[in-house]
Each structure stands twice: as structure tokens, then as C-alpha cells.
């Protein structure tokens, strides 16, 4: 049973300051992930390591080789911190950098070499991916969010559990988390959902929901949950119903 878990950059970093890592939270996340490490693909957001330099260089609207390099190097630093915390927690994990294994077209994933990820899973290794810059067939370069990675990987790997952890209790409407969201709900709630706290160049909660509703259209349910609450990651990996379920009615 393959599971795809995303931990948002808001959990791992302080998004108000560049490279604002939160070491204690990174270690907590690693410990919770280590409780159920098998057949798991972990994706993490870029947080202040990626969004701030991307904004500074005008990515993705402005093509900047220097901006691509600086932004990629920054998110790799965060990825290394996550890997080190997982190693300390006893998890065998390897990095998979999207810049090197996928290409975009109009900001959407056009092709993605997932064979190494499948091989890692077969051999008991946890692949760790992250939001990143990527080359683009139509606009030279772009940004691939962790949320888009989750959606693509869930389809490619036929994941049975898909969970997206953020710093709120799910999709909030009128200040309260919704138990479930279907595509038919979107016109009613989209005005009440939006970006995230701090700088975010990838769409915030609206971007998460768009990706997961695309999954729901294919018959794959997922959840958006609060990963800042200790124990919730473990519960999500067990498949417990927490946060907001995103699904398509039969």
C-alpha cells in the first residue's frame, strides 16, 4: 500500500524570514513519520527556503538562471535538514529533486521520471521530494509546488492514502473546518479560501484544493489536515479521518 504524505512549508519553516528553519518541528515531523515509514513517499513544501528567493527574482514570471540556481539551492538546504532529521529518527531516505527528474509545460507537469521512486519504495527506501523550480517547455522555467507533486505521484503510484498536512485544521469555511469537500462545493467556498500566511508563490489553500479535487475526479480521495498538532501525522498515515476529506461522491 503506497501512501503519499505532504508536509507544508508552514510546518517546517517560519515563512516570514528567509531560510527560517524550525529545527524542533522538523525533528517532530521526522519522529512521527518514522512511526510508519514503509511504502511512504514524503513531499515537503519549500517554505521560506523557496518562496522568498523565488519572489525576489520574480519567478516564475521572469526567467532568471541565477534565480533558478539560488532558489533550487535554497530548497535543497531544507530538504537536507529533513533528511538529516529522518536519519536521526532511524529512517532510510533519499532525496529526489524535481528539477532533475521532471519537466513542465505551461506550469504543469509534462513528464516525470518516477522509475527511481518506484525502485526506492521496492527496496524499502523513503523518497523525499520538495517544491522546486523546473524547466518548462513553453515558458522556459517555472515552479512545481509540493501540492502538484502530490497529485501527480498519487496517480502514478496508485496511492491508497493521500494526506496533505498544513497549519490549519483543514479547509476552513466561516472559521470552521469542513468535514469534506466535493467539487460541487467549490463555487460556494472559493471566495473564503485563498493564500497562506507569509509569502507563497504556489497558490496556498486554493492551490491545494485544486490539485486534490483533480485527484477526486479520478476517484482518489485525500485529506487536508493540521500537521502542526502532535500525533496528527501518525493518524493520517494510519488512514484515520482527520481534517477535511476531499472526494467525489459515487
C-alpha atoms as a PDB file:
ATOM      1  CA  UNK A   1       0.000   0.000   0.000  1.00  0.00           C
ATOM      2  CA  UNK A   2       1.665   3.205  -1.173  1.00  0.00           C
ATOM      3  CA  UNK A   3       0.990   6.363   0.789  1.00  0.00           C
ATOM      4  CA  UNK A   4       1.826   9.921  -0.244  1.00  0.00           C
ATOM      5  CA  UNK A   5       2.254  12.474   2.535  1.00  0.00           C
ATOM      6  CA  UNK A   6       2.933  16.170   2.093  1.00  0.00           C
ATOM      7  CA  UNK A   7       4.107  18.389   4.932  1.00  0.00           C
ATOM      8  CA  UNK A   8       3.675  22.060   4.189  1.00  0.00           C
ATOM      9  CA  UNK A   9       6.492  24.560   4.423  1.00  0.00           C
ATOM     10  CA  UNK A  10       4.493  26.400   7.086  1.00  0.00           C
ATOM     11  CA  UNK A  11       5.144  23.480   9.445  1.00  0.00           C
ATOM     12  CA  UNK A  12       8.886  23.232   8.822  1.00  0.00           C
ATOM     13  CA  UNK A  13       9.799  26.912   8.468  1.00  0.00           C
ATOM     14  CA  UNK A  14       8.957  30.416   9.572  1.00  0.00           C
ATOM     15  CA  UNK A  15       7.701  31.773   6.251  1.00  0.00           C
ATOM     16  CA  UNK A  16       8.207  35.389   7.317  1.00  0.00           C
ATOM     17  CA  UNK A  17      12.012  35.206   7.192  1.00  0.00           C
ATOM     18  CA  UNK A  18      14.348  33.689   4.615  1.00  0.00           C
ATOM     19  CA  UNK A  19      15.646  30.202   5.458  1.00  0.00           C
ATOM     20  CA  UNK A  20      13.769  30.316   8.739  1.00  0.00           C
ATOM     21  CA  UNK A  21      14.027  26.627   9.608  1.00  0.00           C
ATOM     22  CA  UNK A  22      12.169  25.324  12.677  1.00  0.00           C
ATOM     23  CA  UNK A  23      14.505  22.519  13.852  1.00  0.00           C
ATOM     24  CA  UNK A  24      12.275  21.236  16.650  1.00  0.00           C
ATOM     25  CA  UNK A  25       9.301  20.939  14.321  1.00  0.00           C
ATOM     26  CA  UNK A  26      11.399  19.234  11.649  1.00  0.00           C
ATOM     27  CA  UNK A  27      12.552  16.686  14.228  1.00  0.00           C
ATOM     28  CA  UNK A  28       8.988  16.149  15.494  1.00  0.00           C
ATOM     29  CA  UNK A  29       7.715  15.553  11.967  1.00  0.00           C
ATOM     30  CA  UNK A  30      10.563  13.098  11.372  1.00  0.00           C
ATOM     31  CA  UNK A  31       9.712  11.167  14.541  1.00  0.00           C
ATOM     32  CA  UNK A  32       6.055  10.898  13.558  1.00  0.00           C
ATOM     33  CA  UNK A  33       6.918   9.819  10.014  1.00  0.00           C
ATOM     34  CA  UNK A  34       9.313   7.229  11.463  1.00  0.00           C
ATOM     35  CA  UNK A  35       6.373   5.532  13.198  1.00  0.00           C
ATOM     36  CA  UNK A  36       5.071   4.264   9.817  1.00  0.00           C
ATOM     37  CA  UNK A  37       7.881   4.644   7.279  1.00  0.00           C
ATOM     38  CA  UNK A  38       7.150   1.761   4.911  1.00  0.00           C
ATOM     39  CA  UNK A  39       5.757   2.345   1.414  1.00  0.00           C
ATOM     40  CA  UNK A  40       5.695   6.094   2.035  1.00  0.00           C
ATOM     41  CA  UNK A  41       6.619   8.943  -0.295  1.00  0.00           C
ATOM     42  CA  UNK A  42       7.214  12.175   1.599  1.00  0.00           C
ATOM     43  CA  UNK A  43       6.846  15.550  -0.091  1.00  0.00           C
ATOM     44  CA  UNK A  44       7.586  18.771   1.757  1.00  0.00           C
ATOM     45  CA  UNK A  45       6.897  22.369   0.914  1.00  0.00           C
ATOM     46  CA  UNK A  46       9.607  24.919   0.219  1.00  0.00           C
ATOM     47  CA  UNK A  47       8.538  27.352   2.939  1.00  0.00           C
ATOM     48  CA  UNK A  48      10.754  30.390   3.401  1.00  0.00           C
ATOM     49  CA  UNK A  49      13.613  28.480   1.754  1.00  0.00           C
ATOM     50  CA  UNK A  50      11.916  28.614  -1.648  1.00  0.00           C
ATOM     51  CA  UNK A  51       9.116  31.167  -1.722  1.00  0.00           C
ATOM     52  CA  UNK A  52      11.198  34.161  -0.624  1.00  0.00           C
ATOM     53  CA  UNK A  53      14.040  33.839  -3.193  1.00  0.00           C
ATOM     54  CA  UNK A  54      11.502  32.957  -5.904  1.00  0.00           C
ATOM     55  CA  UNK A  55       9.659  36.187  -5.167  1.00  0.00           C
ATOM     56  CA  UNK A  56      12.913  38.169  -5.016  1.00  0.00           C
ATOM     57  CA  UNK A  57      13.903  37.006  -8.508  1.00  0.00           C
ATOM     58  CA  UNK A  58      10.392  37.366  -9.953  1.00  0.00           C
ATOM     59  CA  UNK A  59       9.975  33.637 -10.597  1.00  0.00           C
ATOM     60  CA  UNK A  60       8.261  32.186 -12.492  1.00  0.00           C
ATOM     61  CA  UNK A  61       7.131  35.256 -14.469  1.00  0.00           C
ATOM     62  CA  UNK A  62      10.701  36.433 -15.074  1.00  0.00           C
ATOM     63  CA  UNK A  63      13.250  33.983 -16.484  1.00  0.00           C
ATOM     64  CA  UNK A  64      16.406  34.158 -14.385  1.00  0.00           C
ATOM     65  CA  UNK A  65      19.074  31.429 -14.456  1.00  0.00           C
ATOM     66  CA  UNK A  66      20.579  32.925 -11.301  1.00  0.00           C
ATOM     67  CA  UNK A  67      17.171  32.946  -9.646  1.00  0.00           C
ATOM     68  CA  UNK A  68      16.638  29.307 -10.578  1.00  0.00           C
ATOM     69  CA  UNK A  69      20.001  28.349  -9.103  1.00  0.00           C
ATOM     70  CA  UNK A  70      19.576  30.322  -5.891  1.00  0.00           C
ATOM     71  CA  UNK A  71      16.021  29.094  -5.321  1.00  0.00           C
ATOM     72  CA  UNK A  72      16.907  25.462  -6.030  1.00  0.00           C
ATOM     73  CA  UNK A  73      19.969  25.575  -3.770  1.00  0.00           C
ATOM     74  CA  UNK A  74      17.821  27.026  -1.011  1.00  0.00           C
ATOM     75  CA  UNK A  75      15.123  24.346  -1.150  1.00  0.00           C
ATOM     76  CA  UNK A  76      17.819  21.666  -1.263  1.00  0.00           C
ATOM     77  CA  UNK A  77      19.116  23.028   2.046  1.00  0.00           C
ATOM     78  CA  UNK A  78      15.714  22.500   3.631  1.00  0.00           C
ATOM     79  CA  UNK A  79      15.493  19.056   2.064  1.00  0.00           C
ATOM     80  CA  UNK A  80      18.847  18.196   3.634  1.00  0.00           C
ATOM     81  CA  UNK A  81      17.574  19.248   7.074  1.00  0.00           C
ATOM     82  CA  UNK A  82      14.553  16.965   6.649  1.00  0.00           C
ATOM     83  CA  UNK A  83      16.757  14.081   5.511  1.00  0.00           C
ATOM     84  CA  UNK A  84      19.099  14.530   8.473  1.00  0.00           C
ATOM     85  CA  UNK A  85      16.175  14.528  10.909  1.00  0.00           C
ATOM     86  CA  UNK A  86      14.769  11.366   9.320  1.00  0.00           C
ATOM     87  CA  UNK A  87      18.166   9.661   9.529  1.00  0.00           C
ATOM     88  CA  UNK A  88      18.345  10.592  13.221  1.00  0.00           C
ATOM     89  CA  UNK A  89      14.882   9.029  13.653  1.00  0.00           C
ATOM     90  CA  UNK A  90      16.109   5.821  12.019  1.00  0.00           C
ATOM     91  CA  UNK A  91      14.503   6.210   8.587  1.00  0.00           C
ATOM     92  CA  UNK A  92      16.379   5.248   5.423  1.00  0.00           C
ATOM     93  CA  UNK A  93      15.534   8.041   2.996  1.00  0.00           C
ATOM     94  CA  UNK A  94      16.927   9.562  -0.192  1.00  0.00           C
ATOM     95  CA  UNK A  95      16.314  12.933  -1.858  1.00  0.00           C
ATOM     96  CA  UNK A  96      14.564  13.254  -5.209  1.00  0.00           C
ATOM     97  CA  UNK A  97      14.965  16.758  -6.631  1.00  0.00           C
ATOM     98  CA  UNK A  98      12.184  17.656  -9.095  1.00  0.00           C
ATOM     99  CA  UNK A  99      14.465  19.992 -11.076  1.00  0.00           C
ATOM    100  CA  UNK A 100      16.423  16.940 -12.187  1.00  0.00           C
ATOM    101  CA  UNK A 101      13.613  14.492 -12.963  1.00  0.00           C
ATOM    102  CA  UNK A 102      10.610  16.339 -14.391  1.00  0.00           C
ATOM    103  CA  UNK A 103       9.694  18.952 -16.965  1.00  0.00           C
ATOM    104  CA  UNK A 104       6.763  21.342 -17.070  1.00  0.00           C
ATOM    105  CA  UNK A 105       4.615  22.722 -19.856  1.00  0.00           C
ATOM    106  CA  UNK A 106       2.705  25.868 -19.016  1.00  0.00           C
ATOM    107  CA  UNK A 107       3.441  25.310 -15.337  1.00  0.00           C
ATOM    108  CA  UNK A 108       2.015  21.781 -15.290  1.00  0.00           C
ATOM    109  CA  UNK A 109       3.982  18.537 -15.123  1.00  0.00           C
ATOM    110  CA  UNK A 110       4.512  17.252 -18.663  1.00  0.00           C
ATOM    111  CA  UNK A 111       6.803  14.311 -17.888  1.00  0.00           C
ATOM    112  CA  UNK A 112       8.184  12.869 -14.669  1.00  0.00           C
ATOM    113  CA  UNK A 113      10.765  10.079 -14.348  1.00  0.00           C
ATOM    114  CA  UNK A 114       9.166   8.183 -11.457  1.00  0.00           C
ATOM    115  CA  UNK A 115      11.008   4.882 -12.005  1.00  0.00           C
ATOM    116  CA  UNK A 116      13.708   5.691  -9.401  1.00  0.00           C
ATOM    117  CA  UNK A 117      10.978   6.499  -6.874  1.00  0.00           C
ATOM    118  CA  UNK A 118       9.272   3.165  -7.513  1.00  0.00           C
ATOM    119  CA  UNK A 119      12.602   1.367  -7.136  1.00  0.00           C
ATOM    120  CA  UNK A 120      13.322   3.119  -3.841  1.00  0.00           C
ATOM    121  CA  UNK A 121       9.952   2.010  -2.495  1.00  0.00           C
ATOM    122  CA  UNK A 122      10.595  -1.573  -3.611  1.00  0.00           C
ATOM    123  CA  UNK A 123      13.882  -1.562  -1.703  1.00  0.00           C
ATOM    124  CA  UNK A 124      12.494  -0.037   1.497  1.00  0.00           C
ATOM    125  CA  UNK A 125      13.836   3.471   0.959  1.00  0.00           C
ATOM    126  CA  UNK A 126      11.658   6.529   1.536  1.00  0.00           C
ATOM    127  CA  UNK A 127      11.818   9.033  -1.363  1.00  0.00           C
ATOM    128  CA  UNK A 128      11.790  12.658  -0.183  1.00  0.00           C
ATOM    129  CA  UNK A 129      10.650  15.291  -2.691  1.00  0.00           C
ATOM    130  CA  UNK A 130      10.045  19.006  -2.328  1.00  0.00           C
ATOM    131  CA  UNK A 131       8.639  22.044  -4.058  1.00  0.00           C
ATOM    132  CA  UNK A 132      11.226  23.192  -6.596  1.00  0.00           C
ATOM    133  CA  UNK A 133      11.984  25.146  -9.727  1.00  0.00           C
ATOM    134  CA  UNK A 134      11.816  23.217 -13.005  1.00  0.00           C
ATOM    135  CA  UNK A 135      12.386  23.753 -16.700  1.00  0.00           C
ATOM    136  CA  UNK A 136       9.269  24.472 -18.760  1.00  0.00           C
ATOM    137  CA  UNK A 137       8.673  23.655 -22.427  1.00  0.00           C
ATOM    138  CA  UNK A 138       6.562  26.754 -23.068  1.00  0.00           C
ATOM    139  CA  UNK A 139       7.786  29.379 -20.607  1.00  0.00           C
ATOM    140  CA  UNK A 140      11.434  28.328 -20.209  1.00  0.00           C
ATOM    141  CA  UNK A 141      11.180  27.679 -16.465  1.00  0.00           C
ATOM    142  CA  UNK A 142       8.615  27.556 -13.704  1.00  0.00           C
ATOM    143  CA  UNK A 143       7.834  26.385 -10.196  1.00  0.00           C
ATOM    144  CA  UNK A 144       6.382  22.995  -9.322  1.00  0.00           C
ATOM    145  CA  UNK A 145       4.588  23.041  -5.997  1.00  0.00           C
ATOM    146  CA  UNK A 146       4.597  20.235  -3.495  1.00  0.00           C
ATOM    147  CA  UNK A 147       0.844  20.027  -3.989  1.00  0.00           C
ATOM    148  CA  UNK A 148       1.204  19.355  -7.713  1.00  0.00           C
ATOM    149  CA  UNK A 149       3.832  16.727  -6.921  1.00  0.00           C
ATOM    150  CA  UNK A 150       1.410  15.027  -4.528  1.00  0.00           C
ATOM    151  CA  UNK A 151      -1.338  14.884  -7.128  1.00  0.00           C
ATOM    152  CA  UNK A 152       0.950  13.512  -9.839  1.00  0.00           C
ATOM    153  CA  UNK A 153       2.654  10.951  -7.596  1.00  0.00           C
ATOM    154  CA  UNK A 154      -0.637   9.734  -6.142  1.00  0.00           C
ATOM    155  CA  UNK A 155      -1.843   8.929  -9.659  1.00  0.00           C
ATOM    156  CA  UNK A 156       1.457   7.454 -10.866  1.00  0.00           C
ATOM    157  CA  UNK A 157       1.892   5.245  -7.801  1.00  0.00           C
ATOM    158  CA  UNK A 158      -1.821   4.432  -7.298  1.00  0.00           C
ATOM    159  CA  UNK A 159      -1.572   5.608  -3.717  1.00  0.00           C
ATOM    160  CA  UNK A 160      -4.166   4.365  -1.253  1.00  0.00           C
ATOM    161  CA  UNK A 161      -3.600   7.140   1.280  1.00  0.00           C
ATOM    162  CA  UNK A 162      -3.013  10.750   0.216  1.00  0.00           C
ATOM    163  CA  UNK A 163      -2.616  13.294   3.006  1.00  0.00           C
ATOM    164  CA  UNK A 164      -1.634  16.963   2.872  1.00  0.00           C
ATOM    165  CA  UNK A 165      -0.541  18.479   6.167  1.00  0.00           C
ATOM    166  CA  UNK A 166      -0.751  22.229   6.747  1.00  0.00           C
ATOM    167  CA  UNK A 167      -1.015  24.551   9.769  1.00  0.00           C
ATOM    168  CA  UNK A 168      -4.832  24.718   9.979  1.00  0.00           C
ATOM    169  CA  UNK A 169      -7.469  22.083  10.745  1.00  0.00           C
ATOM    170  CA  UNK A 170      -8.412  21.501   7.108  1.00  0.00           C
ATOM    171  CA  UNK A 171     -10.385  23.636   4.667  1.00  0.00           C
ATOM    172  CA  UNK A 172     -11.882  26.444   6.735  1.00  0.00           C
ATOM    173  CA  UNK A 173     -15.258  27.958   5.901  1.00  0.00           C
ATOM    174  CA  UNK A 174     -16.768  30.602   8.193  1.00  0.00           C
ATOM    175  CA  UNK A 175     -13.881  29.911  10.566  1.00  0.00           C
ATOM    176  CA  UNK A 176     -14.606  26.202  10.922  1.00  0.00           C
ATOM    177  CA  UNK A 177     -13.014  23.158   9.269  1.00  0.00           C
ATOM    178  CA  UNK A 178     -15.211  21.377   6.758  1.00  0.00           C
ATOM    179  CA  UNK A 179     -15.556  17.622   7.238  1.00  0.00           C
ATOM    180  CA  UNK A 180     -15.494  17.092   3.485  1.00  0.00           C
ATOM    181  CA  UNK A 181     -15.218  18.990   0.213  1.00  0.00           C
ATOM    182  CA  UNK A 182     -16.556  17.966  -3.195  1.00  0.00           C
ATOM    183  CA  UNK A 183     -16.118  19.805  -6.481  1.00  0.00           C
ATOM    184  CA  UNK A 184     -19.743  20.902  -6.297  1.00  0.00           C
ATOM    185  CA  UNK A 185     -18.857  22.788  -3.083  1.00  0.00           C
ATOM    186  CA  UNK A 186     -16.188  24.913  -4.745  1.00  0.00           C
ATOM    187  CA  UNK A 187     -18.402  27.763  -6.030  1.00  0.00           C
ATOM    188  CA  UNK A 188     -19.768  28.214  -2.504  1.00  0.00           C
ATOM    189  CA  UNK A 189     -16.443  28.291  -0.664  1.00  0.00           C
ATOM    190  CA  UNK A 190     -13.764  29.535  -3.058  1.00  0.00           C
ATOM    191  CA  UNK A 191     -14.265  33.152  -2.032  1.00  0.00           C
ATOM    192  CA  UNK A 192     -13.478  32.204   1.570  1.00  0.00           C
ATOM    193  CA  UNK A 193     -10.262  30.316   0.878  1.00  0.00           C
ATOM    194  CA  UNK A 194      -7.056  31.739  -0.505  1.00  0.00           C
ATOM    195  CA  UNK A 195      -3.349  32.025   0.071  1.00  0.00           C
ATOM    196  CA  UNK A 196      -1.275  31.148   3.091  1.00  0.00           C
ATOM    197  CA  UNK A 197       0.378  33.235   5.761  1.00  0.00           C
ATOM    198  CA  UNK A 198       3.698  34.658   4.618  1.00  0.00           C
ATOM    199  CA  UNK A 199       4.987  34.707   1.064  1.00  0.00           C
ATOM    200  CA  UNK A 200       3.631  31.898  -1.123  1.00  0.00           C
ATOM    201  CA  UNK A 201       4.138  31.714  -4.890  1.00  0.00           C
ATOM    202  CA  UNK A 202       2.227  28.460  -5.389  1.00  0.00           C
ATOM    203  CA  UNK A 203      -1.396  29.151  -4.507  1.00  0.00           C
ATOM    204  CA  UNK A 204      -1.901  28.487  -0.794  1.00  0.00           C
ATOM    205  CA  UNK A 205      -5.002  26.557   0.271  1.00  0.00           C
ATOM    206  CA  UNK A 206      -6.760  27.204  -3.051  1.00  0.00           C
ATOM    207  CA  UNK A 207      -3.835  25.535  -4.854  1.00  0.00           C
ATOM    208  CA  UNK A 208      -4.004  22.502  -2.550  1.00  0.00           C
ATOM    209  CA  UNK A 209      -7.715  22.101  -3.083  1.00  0.00           C
ATOM    210  CA  UNK A 210      -7.468  22.424  -6.861  1.00  0.00           C
ATOM    211  CA  UNK A 211      -4.880  19.631  -7.022  1.00  0.00           C
ATOM    212  CA  UNK A 212      -6.808  17.316  -4.716  1.00  0.00           C
ATOM    213  CA  UNK A 213     -10.120  17.902  -6.483  1.00  0.00           C
ATOM    214  CA  UNK A 214      -8.405  16.773  -9.696  1.00  0.00           C
ATOM    215  CA  UNK A 215      -7.496  13.575  -7.842  1.00  0.00           C
ATOM    216  CA  UNK A 216     -11.078  13.236  -6.622  1.00  0.00           C
ATOM    217  CA  UNK A 217     -12.309  13.484 -10.211  1.00  0.00           C
ATOM    218  CA  UNK A 218     -10.301  10.302 -10.836  1.00  0.00           C
ATOM    219  CA  UNK A 219     -11.907   8.540  -7.883  1.00  0.00           C
ATOM    220  CA  UNK A 220      -9.000   9.055  -5.435  1.00  0.00           C
ATOM    221  CA  UNK A 221      -9.895  10.580  -2.083  1.00  0.00           C
ATOM    222  CA  UNK A 222      -7.450  12.540   0.060  1.00  0.00           C
ATOM    223  CA  UNK A 223      -7.349  14.639   3.197  1.00  0.00           C
ATOM    224  CA  UNK A 224      -6.108  18.059   4.281  1.00  0.00           C
ATOM    225  CA  UNK A 225      -5.187  18.074   7.967  1.00  0.00           C
ATOM    226  CA  UNK A 226      -3.340  20.039  10.625  1.00  0.00           C
ATOM    227  CA  UNK A 227       0.201  18.673  10.779  1.00  0.00           C
ATOM    228  CA  UNK A 228       1.237  21.172  13.448  1.00  0.00           C
ATOM    229  CA  UNK A 229      -0.702  19.182  16.073  1.00  0.00           C
ATOM    230  CA  UNK A 230       1.434  16.402  17.512  1.00  0.00           C
ATOM    231  CA  UNK A 231       0.092  12.963  16.666  1.00  0.00           C
ATOM    232  CA  UNK A 232      -1.906  14.028  13.619  1.00  0.00           C
ATOM    233  CA  UNK A 233       0.740  12.872  11.152  1.00  0.00           C
ATOM    234  CA  UNK A 234       0.668   9.391  12.694  1.00  0.00           C
ATOM    235  CA  UNK A 235      -3.125   9.386  12.481  1.00  0.00           C
ATOM    236  CA  UNK A 236      -3.073  10.495   8.847  1.00  0.00           C
ATOM    237  CA  UNK A 237      -0.605   7.754   7.934  1.00  0.00           C
ATOM    238  CA  UNK A 238      -2.957   5.217   9.508  1.00  0.00           C
ATOM    239  CA  UNK A 239      -5.724   6.468   7.248  1.00  0.00           C
ATOM    240  CA  UNK A 240      -7.797   7.945  10.062  1.00  0.00           C
ATOM    241  CA  UNK A 241     -10.386  10.549   9.087  1.00  0.00           C
ATOM    242  CA  UNK A 242      -8.978  13.850  10.333  1.00  0.00           C
ATOM    243  CA  UNK A 243      -9.232  17.302   8.863  1.00  0.00           C
ATOM    244  CA  UNK A 244     -11.116  17.691   5.581  1.00  0.00           C
ATOM    245  CA  UNK A 245     -11.764  14.814   3.224  1.00  0.00           C
ATOM    246  CA  UNK A 246     -11.587  15.737  -0.470  1.00  0.00           C
ATOM    247  CA  UNK A 247     -13.575  13.278  -2.545  1.00  0.00           C
ATOM    248  CA  UNK A 248     -16.028  12.613  -5.348  1.00  0.00           C
ATOM    249  CA  UNK A 249     -19.423  11.146  -4.462  1.00  0.00           C
ATOM    250  CA  UNK A 250     -20.161   7.812  -6.158  1.00  0.00           C
END
